[in-house]
Each structure stands twice: as C-alpha cells, then as structure tokens.
C-alpha cells in the first residue's frame, strides 16, 4: 500500500507534469481519452501545491493509521509500527519539501479517494475541478494548519537523528 496505493494511478501524470514543457504537456493531453484528461487536469491544478509527490501523502497517512491500528489490535508491536512509520517518513522526506506540501498531497489524495467512479465522467470532472473540502476536511485543515495553536507548522521537516533497524519479525518487508 505504501507504494501501490491510490497515488499510483496518478503518479505518471505528476511525473510528466514536472518534466514536460508546456507544449509537451499540451500534446500529451491531446493523446488522452476524456477520463485521462480529467485526471491530467486535476494533476495540473494541484501539482504546484503538493510537488512531485502528488497525492502519495494520502497513502502514507493511511498506511501510518493502519500501522497504529495494528498496534492497538495487537497485530503489530510498537517496535514494528515505529519501523514502518520510519519507512513512511523517509518516503515523505523524499517527495515533499515541507508540511504544507505534505498536507496538500494528503488533502488532494483524500479528494481523489472521495471522487465518483470513472463511469460517471461528467460528475468526476466536476468533482475534481471543484477542489472543495468536506466539513471534516475543513476542520482538519483549521486544526492542523490555520488555527493559532496549529501543531504541524511548528514541527521541523527533516530526517530523524536515528532510524531503528528492521525488526526480525519484519525481515521479509525489509525492502520497504
């Protein structure tokens, strides 16, 4: 899920958006079907906010949540969860420059996740073009970034001083 979640579907669009000239991007759009054009337009309108990571942050947050739920349900140890979180952290540092970019990637990923099915093309196009938060998204943005006591803007965006070794129980996942 970390590398092959929801973001994988749009990763090629983000990759191209950052590497193509405006003329190349326009030519690329002309080759796409209507559904591809809807996704490419979504990417073009979000890429500057979330950077090359695109919506990977959505998958990272989901994986982090599932890892913590694994501890809560005694499926993972604290050590295992922390190691998984450290792998997610390294990916986030690779693809995002700061918390705002990461939150934008998460937010747009959440919107993509909430979007209608592909077979409702007009609805999909309209939904992706609006870029509106639902009520819980508004609350989350305010609490994490916009309020006077917002927590995330106070955190540094840098590698940790120490990363633990992969626990023996997760050796088959050590390529994370």
N, C-alpha and C. Protein backbone atom coordinates (compact mmCIF):
# COMPACT_ATOMS: atom_id res chain seq x y z
N UNK A 1 0.82 -1.19 0.00
CA UNK A 1 0.00 0.00 0.00
C UNK A 1 0.86 1.26 0.00
N UNK A 2 2.02 1.21 0.61
CA UNK A 2 2.83 2.42 0.68
C UNK A 2 3.17 2.93 -0.72
N UNK A 3 3.56 2.04 -1.60
CA UNK A 3 3.97 2.46 -2.93
C UNK A 3 2.96 2.16 -4.03
N UNK A 4 1.95 1.39 -3.74
CA UNK A 4 1.00 1.00 -4.77
C UNK A 4 -0.44 1.28 -4.37
N UNK A 5 -0.65 2.38 -3.67
CA UNK A 5 -2.00 2.74 -3.24
C UNK A 5 -2.70 3.60 -4.29
N UNK A 6 -3.55 4.48 -3.81
CA UNK A 6 -4.32 5.35 -4.70
C UNK A 6 -3.44 6.25 -5.57
N UNK A 7 -2.32 6.67 -5.02
CA UNK A 7 -1.45 7.60 -5.75
C UNK A 7 -0.84 7.00 -7.00
N UNK A 8 -0.71 5.69 -7.03
CA UNK A 8 -0.07 5.04 -8.18
C UNK A 8 -0.80 5.36 -9.48
N UNK A 9 -2.09 5.52 -9.41
CA UNK A 9 -2.88 5.78 -10.63
C UNK A 9 -2.57 7.15 -11.24
N UNK A 10 -2.20 8.11 -10.40
CA UNK A 10 -1.91 9.46 -10.90
C UNK A 10 -0.42 9.75 -10.98
N UNK A 11 0.42 8.85 -10.51
CA UNK A 11 1.86 9.10 -10.43
C UNK A 11 2.46 9.46 -11.79
N UNK A 12 2.05 8.78 -12.83
CA UNK A 12 2.58 9.08 -14.16
C UNK A 12 2.22 10.48 -14.63
N UNK A 13 1.02 10.92 -14.28
CA UNK A 13 0.61 12.28 -14.63
C UNK A 13 1.49 13.31 -13.90
N UNK A 14 1.69 13.10 -12.59
CA UNK A 14 2.55 14.04 -11.84
C UNK A 14 3.98 14.02 -12.40
N UNK A 15 4.48 12.84 -12.67
CA UNK A 15 5.84 12.71 -13.21
C UNK A 15 5.98 13.53 -14.50
N UNK A 16 5.04 13.35 -15.40
CA UNK A 16 5.09 14.08 -16.67
C UNK A 16 4.92 15.59 -16.47
N UNK A 17 4.00 15.98 -15.60
CA UNK A 17 3.73 17.41 -15.41
C UNK A 17 5.01 18.15 -15.00
N UNK A 18 5.82 17.50 -14.17
CA UNK A 18 7.05 18.15 -13.70
C UNK A 18 8.19 18.07 -14.71
N UNK A 19 8.08 17.24 -15.72
CA UNK A 19 9.18 17.07 -16.65
C UNK A 19 8.90 17.59 -18.06
N UNK A 20 7.65 17.73 -18.42
CA UNK A 20 7.29 18.18 -19.76
C UNK A 20 7.27 19.70 -19.84
N UNK A 21 7.60 20.18 -21.00
CA UNK A 21 7.41 21.61 -21.26
C UNK A 21 5.91 21.84 -21.44
N UNK A 22 5.45 23.08 -21.37
CA UNK A 22 4.02 23.33 -21.60
C UNK A 22 3.52 22.78 -22.93
N UNK A 23 4.34 22.87 -23.98
CA UNK A 23 3.93 22.33 -25.29
C UNK A 23 3.84 20.81 -25.24
N UNK A 24 4.80 20.16 -24.60
CA UNK A 24 4.76 18.70 -24.48
C UNK A 24 3.55 18.25 -23.66
N UNK A 25 3.24 18.98 -22.60
CA UNK A 25 2.08 18.64 -21.78
C UNK A 25 0.79 18.76 -22.60
N UNK A 26 0.68 19.83 -23.37
CA UNK A 26 -0.50 20.03 -24.22
C UNK A 26 -0.64 18.89 -25.24
N UNK A 27 0.48 18.49 -25.84
CA UNK A 27 0.46 17.38 -26.80
C UNK A 27 0.06 16.08 -26.10
N UNK A 28 0.57 15.89 -24.90
CA UNK A 28 0.23 14.69 -24.12
C UNK A 28 -1.27 14.65 -23.82
N UNK A 29 -1.83 15.78 -23.40
CA UNK A 29 -3.26 15.86 -23.11
C UNK A 29 -4.10 15.49 -24.34
N UNK A 30 -3.66 15.92 -25.50
CA UNK A 30 -4.40 15.65 -26.73
C UNK A 30 -4.48 14.15 -27.04
N UNK A 31 -3.53 13.39 -26.53
CA UNK A 31 -3.50 11.94 -26.77
C UNK A 31 -4.40 11.16 -25.81
N UNK A 32 -4.82 11.79 -24.73
CA UNK A 32 -5.58 11.09 -23.69
C UNK A 32 -7.07 11.02 -24.01
N UNK A 33 -7.72 9.99 -23.49
CA UNK A 33 -9.18 9.93 -23.58
C UNK A 33 -9.76 10.92 -22.57
N UNK A 34 -11.08 11.06 -22.55
CA UNK A 34 -11.71 12.06 -21.68
C UNK A 34 -11.42 11.81 -20.20
N UNK A 35 -11.45 10.58 -19.80
CA UNK A 35 -11.16 10.24 -18.40
C UNK A 35 -9.72 10.64 -18.06
N UNK A 36 -8.78 10.28 -18.92
CA UNK A 36 -7.38 10.66 -18.71
C UNK A 36 -7.20 12.16 -18.65
N UNK A 37 -7.94 12.87 -19.48
CA UNK A 37 -7.86 14.33 -19.47
C UNK A 37 -8.38 14.91 -18.16
N UNK A 38 -9.42 14.30 -17.60
CA UNK A 38 -9.96 14.77 -16.31
C UNK A 38 -8.91 14.60 -15.22
N UNK A 39 -8.25 13.46 -15.20
CA UNK A 39 -7.21 13.23 -14.19
C UNK A 39 -5.99 14.13 -14.44
N UNK A 40 -5.62 14.31 -15.70
CA UNK A 40 -4.48 15.17 -16.02
C UNK A 40 -4.76 16.62 -15.62
N UNK A 41 -5.99 17.07 -15.81
CA UNK A 41 -6.36 18.43 -15.40
C UNK A 41 -6.29 18.57 -13.88
N UNK A 42 -6.74 17.56 -13.16
CA UNK A 42 -6.65 17.55 -11.70
C UNK A 42 -5.18 17.66 -11.28
N UNK A 43 -4.33 16.87 -11.91
CA UNK A 43 -2.90 16.91 -11.59
C UNK A 43 -2.31 18.28 -11.91
N UNK A 44 -2.63 18.82 -13.07
CA UNK A 44 -2.08 20.13 -13.46
C UNK A 44 -2.49 21.22 -12.48
N UNK A 45 -3.67 21.10 -11.91
CA UNK A 45 -4.15 22.14 -11.00
C UNK A 45 -3.70 21.92 -9.55
N UNK A 46 -3.10 20.78 -9.25
CA UNK A 46 -2.66 20.51 -7.87
C UNK A 46 -1.15 20.35 -7.74
N UNK A 47 -0.45 20.14 -8.84
CA UNK A 47 0.97 19.80 -8.79
C UNK A 47 1.82 20.85 -8.08
N UNK A 48 1.56 22.11 -8.31
CA UNK A 48 2.38 23.14 -7.67
C UNK A 48 2.19 23.16 -6.16
N UNK A 49 1.03 22.78 -5.69
CA UNK A 49 0.76 22.77 -4.24
C UNK A 49 1.42 21.58 -3.55
N UNK A 50 1.35 20.42 -4.19
CA UNK A 50 1.82 19.22 -3.49
C UNK A 50 3.14 18.69 -4.02
N UNK A 51 3.70 19.29 -5.04
CA UNK A 51 5.01 18.89 -5.52
C UNK A 51 5.00 17.54 -6.22
N UNK A 52 6.20 17.03 -6.46
CA UNK A 52 6.34 15.79 -7.23
C UNK A 52 5.75 14.59 -6.52
N UNK A 53 5.57 14.67 -5.24
CA UNK A 53 4.94 13.56 -4.51
C UNK A 53 3.49 13.37 -4.88
N UNK A 54 2.89 14.41 -5.47
CA UNK A 54 1.48 14.31 -5.83
C UNK A 54 0.65 13.93 -4.62
N UNK A 55 -0.19 12.92 -4.79
CA UNK A 55 -1.10 12.53 -3.71
C UNK A 55 -0.58 11.33 -2.91
N UNK A 56 0.72 11.05 -3.00
CA UNK A 56 1.29 9.94 -2.23
C UNK A 56 1.03 10.10 -0.73
N UNK A 57 0.98 11.34 -0.26
CA UNK A 57 0.77 11.58 1.17
C UNK A 57 -0.52 10.92 1.67
N UNK A 58 -1.53 10.86 0.82
CA UNK A 58 -2.78 10.19 1.21
C UNK A 58 -2.50 8.73 1.57
N UNK A 59 -1.73 8.05 0.73
CA UNK A 59 -1.40 6.65 1.00
C UNK A 59 -0.50 6.52 2.23
N UNK A 60 0.42 7.47 2.41
CA UNK A 60 1.31 7.41 3.56
C UNK A 60 0.54 7.58 4.86
N UNK A 61 -0.38 8.53 4.88
CA UNK A 61 -1.19 8.74 6.09
C UNK A 61 -2.05 7.52 6.38
N UNK A 62 -2.64 6.96 5.34
CA UNK A 62 -3.47 5.76 5.53
C UNK A 62 -2.63 4.60 6.07
N UNK A 63 -1.43 4.43 5.52
CA UNK A 63 -0.56 3.34 5.98
C UNK A 63 -0.13 3.59 7.43
N UNK A 64 0.17 4.82 7.76
CA UNK A 64 0.53 5.15 9.14
C UNK A 64 -0.61 4.86 10.10
N UNK A 65 -1.82 5.21 9.68
CA UNK A 65 -3.00 4.93 10.50
C UNK A 65 -3.18 3.43 10.69
N UNK A 66 -3.07 2.68 9.60
CA UNK A 66 -3.23 1.23 9.70
C UNK A 66 -2.15 0.60 10.57
N UNK A 67 -0.96 1.14 10.51
CA UNK A 67 0.13 0.65 11.36
C UNK A 67 -0.20 0.88 12.84
N UNK A 68 -0.72 2.04 13.15
CA UNK A 68 -1.09 2.33 14.54
C UNK A 68 -2.28 1.46 14.98
N UNK A 69 -3.20 1.21 14.08
CA UNK A 69 -4.33 0.31 14.40
C UNK A 69 -3.82 -1.11 14.63
N UNK A 70 -2.76 -1.47 13.92
CA UNK A 70 -2.14 -2.78 14.14
C UNK A 70 -1.62 -2.92 15.56
N UNK A 71 -1.05 -1.85 16.10
CA UNK A 71 -0.59 -1.87 17.49
C UNK A 71 -1.78 -1.95 18.44
N UNK A 72 -2.78 -1.13 18.18
CA UNK A 72 -3.97 -1.11 19.03
C UNK A 72 -4.63 -2.48 19.12
N UNK A 73 -4.62 -3.21 18.00
CA UNK A 73 -5.25 -4.53 17.95
C UNK A 73 -4.28 -5.68 18.21
N UNK A 74 -3.07 -5.34 18.63
CA UNK A 74 -2.03 -6.34 18.94
C UNK A 74 -1.64 -7.19 17.74
N UNK A 75 -1.74 -6.64 16.53
CA UNK A 75 -1.27 -7.33 15.34
C UNK A 75 0.19 -6.96 15.06
N UNK A 76 0.60 -5.78 15.53
CA UNK A 76 1.97 -5.31 15.40
C UNK A 76 2.47 -4.87 16.77
N UNK A 77 3.77 -5.00 16.98
CA UNK A 77 4.35 -4.46 18.20
C UNK A 77 4.63 -2.97 17.99
N UNK A 78 4.88 -2.27 19.06
CA UNK A 78 5.24 -0.85 18.97
C UNK A 78 6.50 -0.69 18.12
N UNK A 79 7.46 -1.59 18.33
CA UNK A 79 8.71 -1.55 17.57
C UNK A 79 8.46 -1.73 16.07
N UNK A 80 7.60 -2.66 15.71
CA UNK A 80 7.28 -2.89 14.30
C UNK A 80 6.59 -1.68 13.69
N UNK A 81 5.64 -1.13 14.42
CA UNK A 81 4.92 0.04 13.93
C UNK A 81 5.86 1.23 13.75
N UNK A 82 6.74 1.45 14.71
CA UNK A 82 7.68 2.57 14.60
C UNK A 82 8.61 2.40 13.40
N UNK A 83 9.02 1.17 13.13
CA UNK A 83 9.87 0.93 11.98
C UNK A 83 9.11 1.22 10.68
N UNK A 84 7.87 0.76 10.59
CA UNK A 84 7.05 1.05 9.41
C UNK A 84 6.87 2.56 9.26
N UNK A 85 6.59 3.24 10.38
CA UNK A 85 6.44 4.70 10.34
C UNK A 85 7.72 5.37 9.85
N UNK A 86 8.87 4.83 10.24
CA UNK A 86 10.14 5.43 9.80
C UNK A 86 10.33 5.28 8.29
N UNK A 87 9.85 4.18 7.71
CA UNK A 87 9.94 3.99 6.26
C UNK A 87 9.01 4.99 5.55
N UNK A 88 7.85 5.21 6.12
CA UNK A 88 6.92 6.20 5.56
C UNK A 88 7.54 7.60 5.64
N UNK A 89 8.17 7.89 6.77
CA UNK A 89 8.82 9.19 6.98
C UNK A 89 9.88 9.45 5.91
N UNK A 90 10.70 8.45 5.63
CA UNK A 90 11.74 8.62 4.62
C UNK A 90 11.15 8.89 3.24
N UNK A 91 10.06 8.23 2.91
CA UNK A 91 9.40 8.49 1.63
C UNK A 91 8.84 9.91 1.59
N UNK A 92 8.22 10.32 2.67
CA UNK A 92 7.66 11.68 2.72
C UNK A 92 8.76 12.72 2.52
N UNK A 93 9.89 12.53 3.17
CA UNK A 93 11.00 13.47 3.00
C UNK A 93 11.51 13.49 1.56
N UNK A 94 11.45 12.37 0.91
CA UNK A 94 11.92 12.28 -0.48
C UNK A 94 11.02 13.06 -1.43
N UNK A 95 9.71 12.98 -1.21
CA UNK A 95 8.77 13.54 -2.18
C UNK A 95 8.20 14.91 -1.83
N UNK A 96 8.35 15.34 -0.58
CA UNK A 96 7.75 16.62 -0.16
C UNK A 96 8.82 17.48 0.50
N UNK A 97 8.67 18.80 0.35
CA UNK A 97 9.64 19.74 0.92
C UNK A 97 9.28 20.24 2.31
N UNK A 98 8.00 20.14 2.68
CA UNK A 98 7.57 20.68 3.97
C UNK A 98 6.19 20.14 4.32
N UNK A 99 5.72 20.50 5.52
CA UNK A 99 4.42 20.02 5.98
C UNK A 99 3.27 20.51 5.12
N UNK A 100 3.38 21.72 4.62
CA UNK A 100 2.29 22.25 3.79
C UNK A 100 2.14 21.44 2.49
N UNK A 101 3.26 21.12 1.86
CA UNK A 101 3.19 20.29 0.66
C UNK A 101 2.61 18.91 0.99
N UNK A 102 3.07 18.36 2.10
CA UNK A 102 2.59 17.03 2.51
C UNK A 102 1.09 17.06 2.78
N UNK A 103 0.64 18.09 3.48
CA UNK A 103 -0.79 18.19 3.77
C UNK A 103 -1.59 18.41 2.49
N UNK A 104 -1.04 19.18 1.55
CA UNK A 104 -1.72 19.37 0.26
C UNK A 104 -1.83 18.03 -0.46
N UNK A 105 -0.75 17.25 -0.47
CA UNK A 105 -0.79 15.93 -1.10
C UNK A 105 -1.82 15.03 -0.45
N UNK A 106 -1.87 15.09 0.87
CA UNK A 106 -2.87 14.30 1.60
C UNK A 106 -4.29 14.77 1.25
N UNK A 107 -4.50 16.07 1.27
CA UNK A 107 -5.83 16.63 1.03
C UNK A 107 -6.32 16.31 -0.38
N UNK A 108 -5.47 16.52 -1.37
CA UNK A 108 -5.88 16.22 -2.74
C UNK A 108 -6.03 14.72 -2.95
N UNK A 109 -5.22 13.93 -2.25
CA UNK A 109 -5.39 12.48 -2.31
C UNK A 109 -6.70 12.05 -1.71
N UNK A 110 -7.08 12.69 -0.63
CA UNK A 110 -8.36 12.39 0.01
C UNK A 110 -9.51 12.75 -0.93
N UNK A 111 -9.36 13.88 -1.60
CA UNK A 111 -10.40 14.28 -2.56
C UNK A 111 -10.47 13.26 -3.70
N UNK A 112 -9.33 12.84 -4.21
CA UNK A 112 -9.31 11.84 -5.27
C UNK A 112 -10.00 10.56 -4.80
N UNK A 113 -9.71 10.15 -3.58
CA UNK A 113 -10.30 8.94 -3.00
C UNK A 113 -11.82 9.07 -2.90
N UNK A 114 -12.31 10.28 -2.63
CA UNK A 114 -13.74 10.51 -2.49
C UNK A 114 -14.44 10.73 -3.83
N UNK A 115 -13.68 10.82 -4.91
CA UNK A 115 -14.28 11.15 -6.20
C UNK A 115 -15.17 10.03 -6.72
N UNK A 116 -16.14 10.40 -7.58
CA UNK A 116 -17.06 9.40 -8.14
C UNK A 116 -16.31 8.38 -9.01
N UNK A 117 -16.98 7.31 -9.28
CA UNK A 117 -16.41 6.26 -10.13
C UNK A 117 -16.14 6.79 -11.53
N UNK A 118 -15.23 6.14 -12.21
CA UNK A 118 -14.82 6.57 -13.55
C UNK A 118 -15.96 6.58 -14.57
N UNK A 119 -16.96 5.74 -14.38
CA UNK A 119 -18.02 5.64 -15.38
C UNK A 119 -18.99 6.83 -15.33
N UNK A 120 -18.84 7.71 -14.37
CA UNK A 120 -19.63 8.95 -14.31
C UNK A 120 -18.70 10.12 -14.65
N UNK A 121 -18.29 10.19 -15.91
CA UNK A 121 -17.24 11.11 -16.33
C UNK A 121 -17.55 12.57 -16.04
N UNK A 122 -18.74 13.03 -16.34
CA UNK A 122 -19.07 14.44 -16.11
C UNK A 122 -19.02 14.77 -14.62
N UNK A 123 -19.58 13.90 -13.81
CA UNK A 123 -19.55 14.10 -12.36
C UNK A 123 -18.11 14.07 -11.84
N UNK A 124 -17.32 13.14 -12.34
CA UNK A 124 -15.91 13.05 -11.96
C UNK A 124 -15.18 14.34 -12.30
N UNK A 125 -15.36 14.83 -13.51
CA UNK A 125 -14.71 16.05 -13.96
C UNK A 125 -15.07 17.24 -13.05
N UNK A 126 -16.36 17.38 -12.77
CA UNK A 126 -16.82 18.49 -11.92
C UNK A 126 -16.27 18.35 -10.50
N UNK A 127 -16.31 17.16 -9.96
CA UNK A 127 -15.84 16.93 -8.59
C UNK A 127 -14.35 17.27 -8.46
N UNK A 128 -13.55 16.79 -9.40
CA UNK A 128 -12.11 17.05 -9.34
C UNK A 128 -11.78 18.51 -9.59
N UNK A 129 -12.58 19.19 -10.37
CA UNK A 129 -12.33 20.61 -10.66
C UNK A 129 -12.64 21.51 -9.46
N UNK A 130 -13.59 21.12 -8.63
CA UNK A 130 -14.01 21.98 -7.51
C UNK A 130 -12.96 22.10 -6.42
N UNK A 131 -12.29 21.03 -6.10
CA UNK A 131 -11.28 21.01 -5.03
C UNK A 131 -11.81 21.60 -3.72
N UNK A 132 -12.96 21.14 -3.34
CA UNK A 132 -13.58 21.61 -2.09
C UNK A 132 -13.36 20.59 -0.99
N UNK A 133 -13.16 21.10 0.20
CA UNK A 133 -13.11 20.24 1.38
C UNK A 133 -14.54 19.90 1.80
N UNK A 134 -14.71 18.72 2.34
CA UNK A 134 -15.96 18.46 3.04
C UNK A 134 -15.80 19.04 4.44
N UNK A 135 -16.81 18.95 5.28
CA UNK A 135 -16.74 19.56 6.61
C UNK A 135 -15.58 19.03 7.44
N UNK A 136 -15.36 17.71 7.40
CA UNK A 136 -14.26 17.17 8.20
C UNK A 136 -12.91 17.64 7.64
N UNK A 137 -12.81 17.82 6.32
CA UNK A 137 -11.59 18.35 5.73
C UNK A 137 -11.34 19.78 6.15
N UNK A 138 -12.39 20.59 6.20
CA UNK A 138 -12.26 21.97 6.69
C UNK A 138 -11.78 22.00 8.12
N UNK A 139 -12.39 21.17 8.96
CA UNK A 139 -12.00 21.10 10.37
C UNK A 139 -10.54 20.67 10.52
N UNK A 140 -10.16 19.67 9.75
CA UNK A 140 -8.79 19.16 9.82
C UNK A 140 -7.80 20.24 9.42
N UNK A 141 -8.07 20.94 8.32
CA UNK A 141 -7.17 21.99 7.87
C UNK A 141 -7.02 23.07 8.94
N UNK A 142 -8.13 23.48 9.51
CA UNK A 142 -8.08 24.52 10.53
C UNK A 142 -7.27 24.06 11.74
N UNK A 143 -7.55 22.87 12.23
CA UNK A 143 -6.88 22.38 13.43
C UNK A 143 -5.38 22.14 13.21
N UNK A 144 -5.02 21.63 12.05
CA UNK A 144 -3.62 21.29 11.81
C UNK A 144 -2.77 22.45 11.32
N UNK A 145 -3.38 23.40 10.59
CA UNK A 145 -2.57 24.44 9.96
C UNK A 145 -3.02 25.87 10.19
N UNK A 146 -4.29 26.12 10.32
CA UNK A 146 -4.77 27.50 10.28
C UNK A 146 -5.05 28.11 11.65
N UNK A 147 -5.27 27.31 12.66
CA UNK A 147 -5.62 27.87 13.96
C UNK A 147 -4.38 28.47 14.63
N UNK A 148 -4.60 29.30 15.64
CA UNK A 148 -3.50 29.93 16.35
C UNK A 148 -2.59 28.91 17.04
N UNK A 149 -3.16 27.79 17.44
CA UNK A 149 -2.36 26.77 18.11
C UNK A 149 -2.11 25.55 17.21
N UNK A 150 -2.06 25.78 15.90
CA UNK A 150 -1.82 24.69 14.95
C UNK A 150 -0.47 24.02 15.24
N UNK A 151 -0.48 22.72 15.20
CA UNK A 151 0.67 21.93 15.61
C UNK A 151 1.69 21.71 14.50
N UNK A 152 1.25 21.33 13.33
CA UNK A 152 2.19 20.93 12.28
C UNK A 152 3.16 22.01 11.83
N UNK A 153 2.75 23.26 11.70
CA UNK A 153 3.72 24.27 11.27
C UNK A 153 4.89 24.44 12.25
N UNK A 154 4.74 23.96 13.48
CA UNK A 154 5.82 24.09 14.45
C UNK A 154 6.83 22.95 14.36
N UNK A 155 6.49 21.88 13.67
CA UNK A 155 7.40 20.73 13.56
C UNK A 155 8.41 20.95 12.45
N UNK A 156 9.63 20.50 12.68
CA UNK A 156 10.63 20.61 11.62
C UNK A 156 10.40 19.51 10.58
N UNK A 157 10.82 19.77 9.39
CA UNK A 157 10.70 18.80 8.28
C UNK A 157 12.12 18.37 7.94
N UNK A 158 12.59 17.34 8.59
CA UNK A 158 13.96 16.89 8.40
C UNK A 158 14.10 15.42 8.77
N UNK A 159 15.19 14.81 8.34
CA UNK A 159 15.41 13.41 8.73
C UNK A 159 15.57 13.29 10.24
N UNK A 160 15.24 12.13 10.75
CA UNK A 160 15.43 11.86 12.16
C UNK A 160 16.92 11.65 12.44
N UNK A 161 17.32 11.84 13.67
CA UNK A 161 18.71 11.61 14.05
C UNK A 161 19.04 10.12 14.04
N UNK A 162 18.02 9.28 14.24
CA UNK A 162 18.25 7.84 14.33
C UNK A 162 17.06 7.10 13.73
N UNK A 163 17.36 6.10 12.93
CA UNK A 163 16.33 5.21 12.39
C UNK A 163 16.65 3.80 12.87
N UNK A 164 15.68 3.16 13.48
CA UNK A 164 15.92 1.82 14.01
C UNK A 164 16.08 0.81 12.88
N UNK A 165 16.75 -0.28 13.21
CA UNK A 165 16.90 -1.38 12.26
C UNK A 165 15.57 -2.12 12.12
N UNK A 166 15.42 -2.80 11.02
CA UNK A 166 14.21 -3.56 10.78
C UNK A 166 14.09 -4.68 11.82
N UNK A 167 12.96 -4.76 12.51
CA UNK A 167 12.78 -5.85 13.48
C UNK A 167 12.83 -7.21 12.78
N UNK A 168 13.32 -8.20 13.48
CA UNK A 168 13.41 -9.56 12.92
C UNK A 168 12.07 -10.03 12.37
N UNK A 169 11.00 -9.68 13.04
CA UNK A 169 9.67 -10.14 12.63
C UNK A 169 9.21 -9.54 11.30
N UNK A 170 9.89 -8.49 10.85
CA UNK A 170 9.51 -7.84 9.59
C UNK A 170 10.60 -7.98 8.52
N UNK A 171 11.54 -8.89 8.72
CA UNK A 171 12.65 -9.03 7.77
C UNK A 171 12.18 -9.26 6.34
N UNK A 172 11.04 -9.93 6.17
CA UNK A 172 10.53 -10.15 4.81
C UNK A 172 10.00 -8.86 4.19
N UNK A 173 9.89 -7.80 4.97
CA UNK A 173 9.45 -6.49 4.48
C UNK A 173 10.59 -5.49 4.47
N UNK A 174 11.81 -5.93 4.71
CA UNK A 174 12.92 -5.01 4.91
C UNK A 174 13.24 -4.16 3.69
N UNK A 175 12.68 -4.50 2.53
CA UNK A 175 12.91 -3.67 1.35
C UNK A 175 12.02 -2.44 1.32
N UNK A 176 11.20 -2.25 2.35
CA UNK A 176 10.40 -1.04 2.44
C UNK A 176 11.34 0.14 2.54
